[in-house]
Every structure is written in structure tokens, then in C-alpha cells.
Amino acid sequence: MPTLEWIGKDKVINHHQQVPYRVLEEKYTYNADKSDNMIIRGDNLEALKALLPKYEGRIKCIYIDPPYNTGNEGWVYNDNVNDPKIKKWLGEVVGKEGEDLSRHDKWLCMMYPRLKLLQKLLSDDGAIFISIDDNECANLRLICNEIFGANCFVTDAIWHSSDNSNNNSLSFSEDYNHTLIYSKKTGWRPNFINDASKRSHFKNPDNDPRGPWFDGNPVNNPGWRPNLQFNITTPNGNVIKHPQNGWRWSMETIEEKLKTGELRFSEDQTRLIRRTYLYELGGLTPSNLWYDLDTTGHTRRAKYDLKKIFPEIKVTDLFSTPKPALLIEYILQLASDPNSIILDSFAGSGTTAHAVLNMNKADGGNRKFILVEMMDYADSITAERVKRVIDGYGEGKNAVEGTGGDFTFYDLGQALLLPDGNLNEEVDTAKIRDYVWYMETKTPLTGVAADNAYYLGCNNNTGYYFYYEKDRITTLGYEFLTTIKEKAESYLIYADLCTIPDEELKRHNITFKKIPRDIAKL
């Protein structure tokens, strides 16, 4: 498989493993006491790492709209590396080579580790949708082939993003965007969508109580069926010869379908006609050409929506080519169900949350969103937009009713493990327990009732204990063993020290792990 090489690749290809695991600090919850919807302020590389213990393999649909790297953007990871965050990051990760990077090298260095973590978060039945234009589309596809697998490439959907060509362009008016779609596993299929505009041939002139119908679908059998090769005599005496493979049904079934109207004879009684009802059909196979502006919207509509949500500020100065909520809603129709978790790690103005809330209101779904935004406006614009969508916005004839909903706003907190390998004692013990359980089981900690306060839970017939106190040394000794009441085939116990001989541990199927030495790094 062809792979892409660039300056700095060798430094970033496994960089996601060196990213420190930082805990999430809850700042406030809006419109509820507790919410599973999340808006995270901070570097999305570190935020994605922070999401792993709870969300690895659980995200059904990921949508990202990363910087397009046109050469004219004011994004944090810009061409001249003016922002101190990326300067520092490139200096630490890429080293002196970073001084010679082109803007494409820089963009690839930025994207690669983030895509690696996004791939881990995606569920086995999930898919990622990435908006991009021609500047980096070819490079993005090559690194996605490497990370997700070329066999997990689904399609490159072309979105007609502009409702009006740019007549001031010196070459071609750029009127579309790419949306690269990759799945976690091969064989992924989108949801089919019932588009009424493509079903206009279904009518109901006889007011059939079963609804609109269409005549003309085949009544022949797709396979060779000698037992279904019989002729049919019509009421006027005509004989209709069987199809080459035979009829689709037995004579008894055909007679029943003639009575119900599902089958009928043509007016000259020379042909058998099958009636298909609209309600029986699944959706249509979606196209990868998204040109219907009423279905997927366009950037000018997205700007108009932002102005209506934020009439008091020039928000479009920050977002020159925002995505419309309709586009994300269409993607969610293709790739989610009413209980899915949706992630956007380049959240911008919060369009993805807007789309999720719209869909939940429309169909009563319980979709959850996770947004990540590193810029200062994460609270003042991203979260503020979501608040206004929840509550409603606009006035008079332009008023938009609120969707309802809620979210919790987070900041990236401290690293759980210090550079010297010790536990950061300023981190809440509950979050350390979550981390340890995840590192052992690769599943989120759900919490169980137990007699032992240090019990984490049971996984694959192994009971896990994290015997840890911030203000004292803990010892796995016989006294601690007497506190274990939870039954399991084997036990794994973390503590600062152990005074039980190895032979005794082995006899009781106990594995001892030393804090902090044996706590694995994520």
C-alpha cells in the first residue's frame, strides 16, 4: 500500500502514545443537574486522550472539519507557525527538523496523532466523516488509509457547498468540498434514507388503505424453481405462461395476493402485475454527490444562521466558511441511530451540537454529543451557541424555538501521572480509579456496590482492587485480605507495598501490582 512521507513523520507516527493523560475538570452544567453531553475546552490532542477511558470504541459517528490549510487561514497551526502552542509542540515533538517544515508538513504533523486517537474512539460499527478541500485532500486520504486501513475507505462524498459561484475568482469558482468517509471495520453500510422526492412515482388513485403504491415490480423467481413453473389461466380464459425460472410464489399464494390486490391482471389479462407499497420499502441507497441545497445546506446559509444566533457580534469574522447544521444532520441520518454518541474534535462554533439537538427534538432521540474546541471562544461562542439553541433564539418572525437539552462544560485538568512516574496527588482519587480500571480492562468503570471500598469490579473472572490513599502508605498484607468479600477466580491488587510471600499470593491466585510503578501509561 502506498504511504506518504513528510518531514517529521517519524516523530509523530506514535506520538499519541506519549501524549500525557489529563483528567477532565467539570466547570458547570447547563440546564440540568447532570449531563452526558460534553463541551471540552483545550487542545484536542490531549482532550481525545482524556476521553479514552470512558469512550474508546463507543463513538458511533465522528465528524470533523479541520483547518483546510489554504495558506490564508488564521488557524492556530498556521503556515508561519506564529502561535506559541504549535511552536512549542513542534519543537518538543519534531525537534530541529521542525524548523524546515513546509505548511503541508506542519499540517500532517498536526493531523496524524489526532486521527490515531479518533480511530481508537470510533466504535466497530462507526464511521468518521472529514470535511476537507483540494489543498490537503490527497494527503489526508493517504494518511487515513494508513491509520484506518485502505479497505475501510467508504467514499469521498462531494458536497455542493456554495449556492452562488464566485464570479471574482481568477481561475475556477470553488463550489464544493470533499467529505472523506472511513469506517472502523470493513463492510460498514450507511443508513438508507427514504427521500420522498425520489418516490414520486408512488401514487394512490384508488385510495388503497395501505397507502401509495407502484405497479411493475417483477413476479418472477430470481432462482431456478421447477416446482413454481406453472401456467395461470385468467378469468377471461387467457393463459399466462410462467417465467423461465418460475413464479415467485406458489399458486395458493398468488390466488391470495390476487384477492388482496397485491397482484392483479393487466387490462388485457395477458400479464400479472405486482403492486409494491411505499411503506414496505427501506430507504434509498445514498449518493456520494450531495448537491441538494435544501437537504445539506450551504455555507451562506450557515453564515446567516450564525448571524441570527449571535446578532450582537460579528461571529462570521471568526468563521468564514462555517458548515450548516443541515449538512451535519444529513451525516447523522446516514451514520447514527437515536442513541448514538457523536464526536466533533474541531468544534468551532458548535454546529455539530446544534445538529444533534435538532435531530433529538425532531424524532425524540437521545443522541449525545462531545465537542472539543481549543480556542478561547470555546465558552463564549461554542458553548454559548449551544445554550441559545437549547433555549431558542431570534425575535418575531425570525424566532427559532428551543430544542431543549443540556451539556456539561469541561476544561482539561492536570496530568494524572507526573513526569517522574508518580501519581499526581492533586488528581481526584475517583479519576485515578477510572484510569487504572481502564488500563487493566479497556472498559469504562461503571461503579459497583461492594463491602470493600477499594474494590473496582470484576472482569473476566478477575476481581480488581486499587488500595490507594493519598496521605499514607498502603500495604497488601493478611489484614487487607480479610476485607475481601467479593468472590472471583483470581485477584489483581494494587498497593504501595506487599508483605505476603510470592508463594502465598500464587496459592490464592493473587497478582500484586505496585503503586505507582506498575500503573501503565496510556
Protein backbone atom coordinates (compact mmCIF):
# COMPACT_ATOMS: atom_id res chain seq x y z
CA MET A 1 0.00 0.00 0.00
CA PRO A 2 1.45 3.41 -0.94
CA THR A 3 2.31 5.55 2.08
CA LEU A 4 3.01 9.23 2.40
CA GLU A 5 6.32 10.52 3.73
CA TRP A 6 6.95 14.02 5.10
CA ILE A 7 9.43 15.77 7.35
CA GLY A 8 8.61 14.93 10.95
CA LYS A 9 6.53 11.80 10.26
CA ASP A 10 8.88 9.57 12.23
CA LYS A 11 8.36 11.82 15.27
CA VAL A 12 4.54 11.90 15.17
CA ILE A 13 3.62 8.42 13.98
CA ASN A 14 3.49 7.13 17.59
CA HIS A 15 3.24 10.48 19.33
CA HIS A 16 -0.30 9.77 20.54
CA GLN A 17 1.27 7.28 22.97
CA GLN A 18 3.43 10.00 24.53
CA VAL A 19 0.59 12.50 25.00
CA PRO A 20 0.03 12.84 28.76
CA TYR A 21 -3.27 11.61 30.12
CA ARG A 22 -5.02 14.61 31.64
CA VAL A 23 -8.22 14.47 33.62
CA LEU A 24 -11.29 16.48 32.72
CA GLU A 25 -12.37 19.17 35.17
CA GLU A 26 -16.08 19.94 35.25
CA LYS A 27 -16.72 23.70 35.22
CA TYR A 28 -20.51 23.87 35.00
CA THR A 29 -23.59 22.02 33.75
CA TYR A 30 -26.22 23.85 31.75
CA ASN A 31 -29.95 23.18 32.00
CA ALA A 32 -29.60 20.02 34.13
CA ASP A 33 -28.04 18.66 37.31
CA LYS A 34 -26.04 16.15 35.28
CA SER A 35 -25.46 15.72 31.55
CA ASP A 36 -23.73 13.21 29.27
CA ASN A 37 -23.30 15.89 26.59
CA MET A 38 -19.83 17.38 26.77
CA ILE A 39 -18.07 20.54 25.60
CA ILE A 40 -14.33 20.43 26.34
CA ARG A 41 -12.06 23.46 26.20
CA GLY A 42 -8.48 22.52 25.40
CA ASP A 43 -6.06 21.06 22.88
CA ASN A 44 -7.97 18.34 21.07
CA LEU A 45 -4.95 16.02 21.07
CA GLU A 46 -4.94 15.94 24.87
CA ALA A 47 -8.74 16.02 25.07
CA LEU A 48 -9.03 12.95 22.83
CA LYS A 49 -6.57 11.12 25.09
CA ALA A 50 -8.63 12.16 28.11
CA LEU A 51 -11.76 10.63 26.52
CA LEU A 52 -10.26 7.17 26.01
CA PRO A 53 -11.01 5.59 29.42
CA LYS A 54 -14.73 6.15 29.05
CA TYR A 55 -15.28 6.33 25.30
CA GLU A 56 -12.76 4.11 23.48
CA GLY A 57 -14.71 2.10 20.91
CA ARG A 58 -18.02 3.78 21.78
CA ILE A 59 -18.34 6.69 19.33
CA LYS A 60 -20.76 5.78 16.53
CA CYS A 61 -20.22 8.86 14.38
CA ILE A 62 -17.30 11.29 14.23
CA TYR A 63 -17.49 14.48 12.21
CA ILE A 64 -14.52 16.83 11.97
CA ASP A 65 -13.95 19.98 9.98
CA PRO A 66 -10.20 20.52 10.45
CA PRO A 67 -8.30 23.51 9.03
CA TYR A 68 -8.08 23.23 5.25
CA ASN A 69 -4.52 24.62 5.16
CA THR A 70 -5.23 27.01 2.29
CA GLY A 71 -2.29 29.22 3.17
CA ASN A 72 -4.54 32.11 4.13
CA GLU A 73 -6.06 30.87 7.35
CA GLY A 74 -5.60 32.30 10.80
CA TRP A 75 -5.79 28.89 12.45
CA VAL A 76 -3.63 28.04 15.41
CA TYR A 77 -1.49 25.61 13.37
CA ASN A 78 -0.82 28.22 10.69
CA ASP A 79 1.73 28.37 7.88
CA ASN A 80 4.25 30.56 9.65
CA VAL A 81 3.87 28.79 13.00
CA ASN A 82 3.16 32.09 14.71
CA ASP A 83 1.18 30.59 17.55
CA PRO A 84 3.39 29.69 20.54
CA LYS A 85 1.41 26.48 21.21
CA ILE A 86 2.32 24.88 17.90
CA LYS A 87 5.85 26.30 18.04
CA LYS A 88 6.35 24.62 21.37
CA TRP A 89 4.69 21.41 20.26
CA LEU A 90 6.73 21.12 17.07
CA GLY A 91 9.90 21.93 18.95
CA GLU A 92 9.25 19.23 21.54
CA VAL A 93 7.94 16.54 19.21
CA VAL A 94 9.67 17.10 15.88
CA GLY A 95 12.84 18.79 17.11
CA LYS A 96 15.18 20.81 14.90
CA GLU A 97 13.61 19.29 11.79
CA GLY A 98 10.53 21.34 12.62
CA GLU A 99 12.35 24.50 11.57
CA ASP A 100 12.33 23.30 7.94
CA LEU A 101 8.74 22.14 7.70
CA SER A 102 6.52 23.31 4.85
CA ARG A 103 2.93 24.17 5.66
CA HIS A 104 1.92 20.69 4.39
CA ASP A 105 4.45 19.03 6.69
CA LYS A 106 3.11 21.01 9.64
CA TRP A 107 -0.49 20.15 8.80
CA LEU A 108 0.30 16.46 8.51
CA CYS A 109 2.25 16.51 11.80
CA MET A 110 -0.78 18.09 13.44
CA MET A 111 -3.38 15.74 11.95
CA TYR A 112 -1.69 12.34 12.23
CA PRO A 113 -1.73 11.77 16.03
CA ARG A 114 -5.23 13.21 16.29
CA LEU A 115 -6.53 10.77 13.69
CA LYS A 116 -4.83 7.91 15.54
CA LEU A 117 -6.80 8.73 18.70
CA LEU A 118 -10.03 9.29 16.77
CA GLN A 119 -9.65 5.82 15.26
CA LYS A 120 -9.39 4.36 18.77
CA LEU A 121 -12.55 6.16 19.91
CA LEU A 122 -14.62 5.01 16.94
CA SER A 123 -16.93 2.05 17.54
CA ASP A 124 -16.70 -1.12 15.46
CA ASP A 125 -19.92 -0.13 13.67
CA GLY A 126 -18.95 3.52 13.40
CA ALA A 127 -17.66 5.88 10.72
CA ILE A 128 -15.75 9.15 10.56
CA PHE A 129 -16.66 11.99 8.19
CA ILE A 130 -13.92 14.54 7.46
CA SER A 131 -14.60 17.79 5.60
CA ILE A 132 -11.67 18.99 3.50
CA ASP A 133 -10.92 20.79 0.23
CA ASP A 134 -8.40 20.19 -2.53
CA ASN A 135 -5.45 21.64 -0.60
CA GLU A 136 -4.97 18.57 1.60
CA CYS A 137 -7.50 16.04 0.31
CA ALA A 138 -4.93 13.80 -1.38
CA ASN A 139 -2.60 13.87 1.64
CA LEU A 140 -5.47 13.27 4.04
CA ARG A 141 -6.66 10.23 2.13
CA LEU A 142 -3.18 8.67 2.20
CA ILE A 143 -2.75 9.08 5.96
CA CYS A 144 -6.32 7.88 6.59
CA ASN A 145 -5.54 4.78 4.51
CA GLU A 146 -2.58 4.21 6.79
CA ILE A 147 -4.47 4.79 10.05
CA PHE A 148 -7.94 3.35 9.32
CA GLY A 149 -6.92 0.96 6.53
CA ALA A 150 -7.44 1.41 2.80
CA ASN A 151 -10.14 -1.29 2.94
CA CYS A 152 -12.07 0.90 5.40
CA PHE A 153 -12.33 3.77 2.92
CA VAL A 154 -16.04 4.16 2.23
CA THR A 155 -16.27 7.04 -0.22
CA ASP A 156 -15.34 10.62 -0.99
CA ALA A 157 -18.66 12.45 -0.87
CA ILE A 158 -18.78 15.71 -2.78
CA TRP A 159 -20.80 18.41 -1.05
CA HIS A 160 -22.08 21.33 -3.15
CA SER A 161 -21.08 23.90 -0.55
CA SER A 162 -21.91 27.14 -2.37
CA ASP A 163 -25.27 28.36 -3.62
CA ASN A 164 -23.62 31.01 -5.78
CA SER A 165 -20.43 30.75 -7.84
CA ASN A 166 -17.63 33.21 -7.16
CA ASN A 167 -17.50 35.41 -10.24
CA ASN A 168 -14.45 37.21 -8.86
CA SER A 169 -12.35 34.07 -8.97
CA LEU A 170 -9.25 34.32 -11.18
CA SER A 171 -9.47 30.66 -12.21
CA PHE A 172 -12.29 28.33 -11.14
CA SER A 173 -15.00 29.08 -8.64
CA GLU A 174 -14.61 26.57 -5.81
CA ASP A 175 -18.16 25.39 -5.20
CA TYR A 176 -17.68 22.06 -3.42
CA ASN A 177 -15.97 20.35 -0.51
CA HIS A 178 -14.82 16.78 -0.08
CA THR A 179 -16.11 14.63 2.78
CA LEU A 180 -13.81 11.64 3.23
CA ILE A 181 -15.64 8.78 4.95
CA TYR A 182 -13.82 5.93 6.69
CA SER A 183 -15.21 3.14 8.86
CA LYS A 184 -13.66 1.35 11.84
CA LYS A 185 -14.28 -2.08 10.28
CA THR A 186 -14.75 -3.25 6.71
CA GLY A 187 -18.28 -3.78 5.46
CA TRP A 188 -19.76 -0.65 7.06
CA ARG A 189 -23.02 0.47 5.47
CA PRO A 190 -24.82 3.79 5.87
CA ASN A 191 -28.43 4.06 6.89
CA PHE A 192 -30.66 4.23 3.83
CA ILE A 193 -32.84 7.34 3.64
CA ASN A 194 -36.42 7.47 2.44
CA ASP A 195 -36.38 10.55 0.22
CA ALA A 196 -39.96 11.37 -0.78
CA SER A 197 -38.76 13.39 -3.79
CA LYS A 198 -37.35 10.19 -5.30
CA ARG A 199 -40.58 8.23 -4.71
CA SER A 200 -42.90 10.47 -6.74
CA HIS A 201 -43.99 7.53 -8.93
CA PHE A 202 -45.81 6.05 -5.94
CA LYS A 203 -49.47 7.10 -6.12
CA ASN A 204 -52.77 6.11 -4.52
CA PRO A 205 -55.51 6.80 -7.07
CA ASP A 206 -57.82 4.12 -5.64
CA ASN A 207 -57.36 5.27 -2.02
CA ASP A 208 -55.80 1.97 -1.02
CA PRO A 209 -55.74 1.98 2.81
CA ARG A 210 -52.18 0.66 2.66
CA GLY A 211 -51.02 3.94 1.16
CA PRO A 212 -49.17 4.96 -2.03
CA TRP A 213 -48.21 2.14 -4.37
CA PHE A 214 -46.44 1.41 -7.61
CA ASP A 215 -47.14 -1.31 -10.17
CA GLY A 216 -44.43 -3.04 -12.13
CA ASN A 217 -42.08 -4.91 -9.81
CA PRO A 218 -41.16 -8.42 -11.01
CA VAL A 219 -43.16 -11.50 -10.10
CA ASN A 220 -40.59 -13.97 -11.47
CA ASN A 221 -38.36 -16.05 -9.24
CA PRO A 222 -34.71 -14.96 -9.12
CA GLY A 223 -33.57 -18.62 -8.92
CA TRP A 224 -34.43 -21.80 -10.82
CA ARG A 225 -37.63 -23.24 -9.26
CA PRO A 226 -39.17 -26.07 -11.31
CA ASN A 227 -41.97 -26.53 -8.75
CA LEU A 228 -43.11 -22.96 -9.41
CA GLN A 229 -43.22 -23.33 -13.20
CA PHE A 230 -46.95 -23.47 -13.80
CA ASN A 231 -49.22 -21.52 -16.12
CA ILE A 232 -52.05 -19.28 -14.88
CA THR A 233 -55.45 -19.08 -16.52
CA THR A 234 -57.12 -15.64 -16.22
CA PRO A 235 -60.87 -15.02 -15.74
CA ASN A 236 -61.34 -14.40 -19.47
CA GLY A 237 -59.63 -17.66 -20.37
CA ASN A 238 -56.21 -16.31 -21.35
CA VAL A 239 -53.24 -18.41 -20.30
CA ILE A 240 -50.22 -16.61 -18.87
CA LYS A 241 -47.09 -18.71 -19.28
CA HIS A 242 -44.76 -18.95 -16.31
CA PRO A 243 -41.43 -17.04 -16.29
CA GLN A 244 -38.32 -19.02 -17.20
CA ASN A 245 -37.29 -19.63 -13.56
CA GLY A 246 -40.85 -19.96 -12.30
CA TRP A 247 -43.14 -17.68 -10.34
CA ARG A 248 -42.03 -16.05 -7.12
CA TRP A 249 -44.88 -17.73 -5.16
CA SER A 250 -47.00 -20.87 -5.13
CA MET A 251 -50.42 -20.95 -6.84
CA GLU A 252 -52.16 -20.69 -3.47
CA THR A 253 -50.18 -17.59 -2.52
CA ILE A 254 -50.79 -15.98 -5.92
CA GLU A 255 -54.54 -16.54 -5.55
CA GLU A 256 -54.45 -14.92 -2.11
CA LYS A 257 -52.49 -11.93 -3.39
CA LEU A 258 -54.97 -11.52 -6.24
CA LYS A 259 -57.74 -11.31 -3.65
CA THR A 260 -55.92 -8.66 -1.56
CA GLY A 261 -54.95 -6.58 -4.59
CA GLU A 262 -51.22 -7.00 -4.16
CA LEU A 263 -51.31 -8.83 -7.52
CA ARG A 264 -53.65 -8.11 -10.42
CA PHE A 265 -54.00 -8.90 -14.08
CA SER A 266 -53.32 -6.28 -16.71
CA GLU A 267 -56.38 -4.85 -18.51
CA ASP A 268 -55.96 -7.29 -21.42
CA GLN A 269 -55.29 -10.11 -18.92
CA THR A 270 -52.03 -11.09 -20.61
CA ARG A 271 -49.76 -10.15 -17.76
CA LEU A 272 -49.52 -10.50 -13.98
CA ILE A 273 -48.70 -7.21 -12.21
CA ARG A 274 -47.33 -6.83 -8.70
CA ARG A 275 -48.25 -3.85 -6.52
CA THR A 276 -45.49 -2.55 -4.21
CA TYR A 277 -46.37 -0.25 -1.36
CA LEU A 278 -44.23 2.65 -0.23
CA TYR A 279 -44.47 1.64 3.43
CA GLU A 280 -42.83 -1.71 2.64
CA LEU A 281 -39.66 -0.20 1.28
CA GLY A 282 -36.49 0.63 3.10
CA GLY A 283 -34.62 3.80 2.29
CA LEU A 284 -32.75 4.54 -0.90
CA THR A 285 -29.03 3.99 -1.24
CA PRO A 286 -27.49 7.41 -0.52
CA SER A 287 -25.47 9.11 -3.22
CA ASN A 288 -21.94 10.43 -2.68
CA LEU A 289 -22.88 13.56 -4.61
CA TRP A 290 -24.53 15.93 -2.14
CA TYR A 291 -25.90 18.64 -4.41
CA ASP A 292 -29.37 19.23 -2.97
CA LEU A 293 -29.01 22.53 -1.10
CA ASP A 294 -32.35 22.01 0.64
CA THR A 295 -31.03 18.74 2.13
CA THR A 296 -27.45 19.59 3.06
CA GLY A 297 -27.45 23.41 3.11
CA HIS A 298 -24.61 25.69 2.03
CA THR A 299 -22.04 27.99 3.62
CA ARG A 300 -24.06 31.17 3.04
CA ARG A 301 -26.98 29.67 4.94
CA ALA A 302 -24.58 28.67 7.73
CA LYS A 303 -23.36 32.27 7.98
CA TYR A 304 -26.94 33.52 8.07
CA ASP A 305 -27.77 31.12 10.89
CA LEU A 306 -24.73 32.28 12.89
CA LYS A 307 -25.73 35.92 12.46
CA LYS A 308 -29.23 35.09 13.68
CA ILE A 309 -27.87 33.25 16.73
CA PHE A 310 -25.31 35.99 17.51
CA PRO A 311 -26.84 39.28 16.34
CA GLU A 312 -24.67 41.27 18.75
CA ILE A 313 -21.24 40.24 17.39
CA LYS A 314 -19.59 39.70 14.01
CA VAL A 315 -19.18 35.98 14.58
CA THR A 316 -18.60 35.29 10.88
CA ASP A 317 -15.29 37.15 11.14
CA LEU A 318 -14.10 34.11 13.13
CA PHE A 319 -15.81 31.51 10.93
CA SER A 320 -15.50 32.46 7.27
CA THR A 321 -16.75 29.12 5.88
CA PRO A 322 -18.95 27.56 8.59
CA LYS A 323 -20.81 24.34 7.99
CA PRO A 324 -24.62 24.38 8.08
CA ALA A 325 -26.46 22.30 10.66
CA LEU A 326 -28.33 20.66 7.77
CA LEU A 327 -25.10 19.11 6.50
CA ILE A 328 -24.33 17.54 9.87
CA GLU A 329 -27.95 16.41 10.28
CA TYR A 330 -27.72 14.62 6.94
CA ILE A 331 -24.49 12.92 8.02
CA LEU A 332 -26.15 11.85 11.28
CA GLN A 333 -29.05 10.37 9.32
CA LEU A 334 -26.53 8.27 7.40
CA ALA A 335 -24.30 7.22 10.28
CA SER A 336 -26.09 7.32 13.63
CA ASP A 337 -29.14 6.00 15.43
CA PRO A 338 -31.28 7.72 18.09
CA ASN A 339 -28.95 6.61 20.92
CA SER A 340 -25.58 7.23 19.31
CA ILE A 341 -22.68 9.25 20.68
CA ILE A 342 -21.37 11.83 18.20
CA LEU A 343 -17.93 13.43 18.48
CA ASP A 344 -16.55 16.60 16.89
CA SER A 345 -12.98 17.44 17.96
CA PHE A 346 -12.70 20.58 15.79
CA ALA A 347 -15.94 22.03 17.12
CA GLY A 348 -15.61 25.65 16.00
CA SER A 349 -18.93 27.40 16.51
CA GLY A 350 -20.69 24.24 17.72
CA THR A 351 -22.61 23.25 14.58
CA THR A 352 -22.44 19.53 15.41
CA ALA A 353 -24.15 20.01 18.78
CA HIS A 354 -26.77 22.18 17.03
CA ALA A 355 -27.46 19.35 14.57
CA VAL A 356 -27.68 16.71 17.31
CA LEU A 357 -30.15 18.80 19.32
CA ASN A 358 -32.26 19.46 16.21
CA MET A 359 -32.48 15.75 15.43
CA ASN A 360 -33.31 14.79 19.00
CA LYS A 361 -36.14 17.31 19.01
CA ALA A 362 -37.43 16.07 15.65
CA ASP A 363 -37.52 12.35 16.40
CA GLY A 364 -37.38 12.13 20.19
CA GLY A 365 -33.91 10.60 20.04
CA ASN A 366 -31.33 10.52 22.81
CA ARG A 367 -28.15 11.19 20.82
CA LYS A 368 -25.23 12.55 22.84
CA PHE A 369 -22.59 14.98 21.62
CA ILE A 370 -18.97 15.55 22.60
CA LEU A 371 -17.34 18.75 21.33
CA VAL A 372 -13.71 19.78 21.70
CA GLU A 373 -12.51 23.33 20.98
CA MET A 374 -9.12 24.70 21.94
CA MET A 375 -9.66 28.38 21.15
CA ASP A 376 -10.60 31.00 23.73
CA TYR A 377 -14.13 31.20 22.31
CA ALA A 378 -14.93 27.63 23.42
CA ASP A 379 -17.17 29.03 26.17
CA SER A 380 -18.16 32.44 24.81
CA ILE A 381 -19.20 31.19 21.35
CA THR A 382 -19.19 27.36 21.09
CA ALA A 383 -20.97 26.73 24.38
CA GLU A 384 -22.99 29.94 24.12
CA ARG A 385 -24.40 28.85 20.76
CA VAL A 386 -25.48 25.54 22.26
CA LYS A 387 -27.19 27.38 25.13
CA ARG A 388 -29.13 29.56 22.68
CA VAL A 389 -30.13 26.57 20.56
CA ILE A 390 -31.39 24.81 23.70
CA ASP A 391 -33.36 27.87 24.85
CA GLY A 392 -34.38 29.34 21.48
CA TYR A 393 -33.09 32.44 19.71
CA GLY A 394 -34.18 35.25 17.41
CA GLU A 395 -37.18 37.54 17.64
CA GLY A 396 -40.51 37.96 15.91
CA LYS A 397 -40.87 36.09 12.64
CA ASN A 398 -37.21 35.12 12.85
CA ALA A 399 -37.61 33.44 16.25
CA VAL A 400 -36.45 29.83 16.46
CA GLU A 401 -37.95 27.62 19.15
CA GLY A 402 -35.53 25.99 21.56
CA THR A 403 -34.65 22.34 21.17
CA GLY A 404 -34.26 21.60 24.85
CA GLY A 405 -31.30 19.60 26.06
CA ASP A 406 -28.26 20.14 28.27
CA PHE A 407 -24.48 19.83 28.44
CA THR A 408 -21.54 19.95 30.81
CA PHE A 409 -18.58 22.22 30.12
CA TYR A 410 -15.08 20.94 30.94
CA ASP A 411 -11.52 22.18 30.99
CA LEU A 412 -8.51 19.96 30.59
CA GLY A 413 -7.12 19.37 34.06
CA GLN A 414 -3.80 18.13 35.35
CA ALA A 415 -1.83 15.13 34.16
CA LEU A 416 -2.64 12.02 36.16
CA LEU A 417 0.94 10.75 36.08
CA LEU A 418 3.82 13.11 36.79
CA PRO A 419 6.95 13.10 34.57
CA ASP A 420 8.81 11.09 37.25
CA GLY A 421 6.15 8.36 37.08
CA ASN A 422 4.47 9.17 40.39
CA LEU A 423 0.75 9.72 40.75
CA ASN A 424 -0.34 13.33 40.81
CA GLU A 425 -1.89 13.57 44.27
CA GLU A 426 -3.86 16.65 43.26
CA VAL A 427 -5.98 14.47 40.96
CA ASP A 428 -9.20 13.16 42.44
CA THR A 429 -8.93 9.54 43.56
CA ALA A 430 -12.10 8.58 41.69
CA LYS A 431 -10.48 9.63 38.42
CA ILE A 432 -7.37 7.63 39.23
CA ARG A 433 -9.57 4.58 39.87
CA ASP A 434 -11.29 5.11 36.49
CA TYR A 435 -7.91 5.24 34.80
CA VAL A 436 -6.48 2.14 36.48
CA TRP A 437 -9.58 0.08 35.70
CA TYR A 438 -9.50 1.17 32.06
CA MET A 439 -5.80 0.33 31.70
CA GLU A 440 -6.48 -3.15 33.06
CA THR A 441 -9.74 -3.98 31.27
CA LYS A 442 -10.06 -1.49 28.39
CA THR A 443 -13.61 -0.86 29.53
CA PRO A 444 -15.12 2.13 31.35
CA LEU A 445 -15.59 1.83 35.11
CA THR A 446 -19.30 1.67 35.89
CA GLY A 447 -19.15 1.52 39.66
CA VAL A 448 -20.32 -1.42 41.77
CA ALA A 449 -21.62 -1.77 45.29
CA ALA A 450 -19.10 -3.64 47.42
CA ASP A 451 -18.09 -4.18 51.03
CA ASN A 452 -14.52 -3.22 50.22
CA ALA A 453 -14.08 0.47 49.39
CA TYR A 454 -11.03 -0.32 47.27
CA TYR A 455 -12.85 -2.79 45.02
CA LEU A 456 -13.06 -1.69 41.37
CA GLY A 457 -15.05 -4.56 39.92
CA CYS A 458 -14.78 -7.96 38.25
CA ASN A 459 -13.73 -8.53 34.66
CA ASN A 460 -13.19 -11.93 33.03
CA ASN A 461 -13.46 -13.62 36.46
CA THR A 462 -10.74 -11.41 37.95
CA GLY A 463 -11.51 -9.12 40.87
CA TYR A 464 -9.64 -5.78 40.78
CA TYR A 465 -8.66 -3.73 43.85
CA PHE A 466 -6.90 -0.37 43.99
CA TYR A 467 -5.68 0.01 47.57
CA TYR A 468 -4.59 3.64 47.50
CA GLU A 469 -4.60 6.55 49.96
CA LYS A 470 -3.08 9.95 49.28
CA ASP A 471 -1.89 10.56 52.82
CA ARG A 472 -0.44 7.17 53.82
CA ILE A 473 1.41 4.13 52.53
CA THR A 474 -0.84 1.16 51.83
CA THR A 475 0.26 -2.44 52.33
CA LEU A 476 -1.16 -5.60 50.86
CA GLY A 477 -0.97 -7.91 53.86
CA TYR A 478 -3.07 -10.59 55.51
CA GLU A 479 -5.13 -7.95 57.27
CA PHE A 480 -6.21 -6.49 53.90
CA LEU A 481 -7.05 -9.96 52.56
CA THR A 482 -9.61 -10.40 55.34
CA THR A 483 -11.54 -7.41 53.96
CA ILE A 484 -12.05 -9.07 50.55
CA LYS A 485 -15.56 -10.47 50.37
CA GLU A 486 -16.14 -10.35 46.60
CA LYS A 487 -15.75 -13.79 45.02
CA ALA A 488 -13.64 -14.29 41.88
CA GLU A 489 -11.39 -16.90 40.30
CA SER A 490 -8.36 -14.63 40.63
CA TYR A 491 -7.48 -11.23 42.07
CA LEU A 492 -5.34 -8.29 40.98
CA ILE A 493 -4.50 -5.88 43.78
CA TYR A 494 -2.67 -2.55 43.60
CA ALA A 495 -0.96 -1.22 46.74
CA ASP A 496 2.20 0.66 47.74
CA LEU A 497 3.77 -2.38 49.41
CA CYS A 498 3.18 -6.12 49.75
CA THR A 499 4.20 -8.27 52.75
CA ILE A 500 2.67 -11.54 51.56
CA PRO A 501 5.20 -14.05 50.13
CA ASP A 502 5.01 -14.75 46.40
CA GLU A 503 4.16 -18.40 47.03
CA GLU A 504 1.18 -17.39 49.17
CA LEU A 505 -0.02 -14.91 46.54
CA LYS A 506 0.21 -17.59 43.89
CA ARG A 507 -1.71 -20.06 46.05
CA HIS A 508 -4.61 -17.59 46.34
CA ASN A 509 -4.43 -16.57 42.65
CA ILE A 510 -3.44 -13.02 43.62
CA THR A 511 -1.36 -10.72 41.41
CA PHE A 512 0.23 -7.78 43.22
CA LYS A 513 0.95 -4.52 41.38
CA LYS A 514 2.95 -1.76 42.99
CA ILE A 515 1.75 1.85 43.05
CA PRO A 516 2.89 3.81 41.06
CA ARG A 517 5.46 1.58 39.36
CA ASP A 518 3.01 -0.82 37.75
CA ILE A 519 0.39 1.70 36.63
CA ALA A 520 0.60 1.59 32.85
CA LYS A 521 0.84 4.75 30.77
CA LEU A 522 -1.98 5.31 28.33
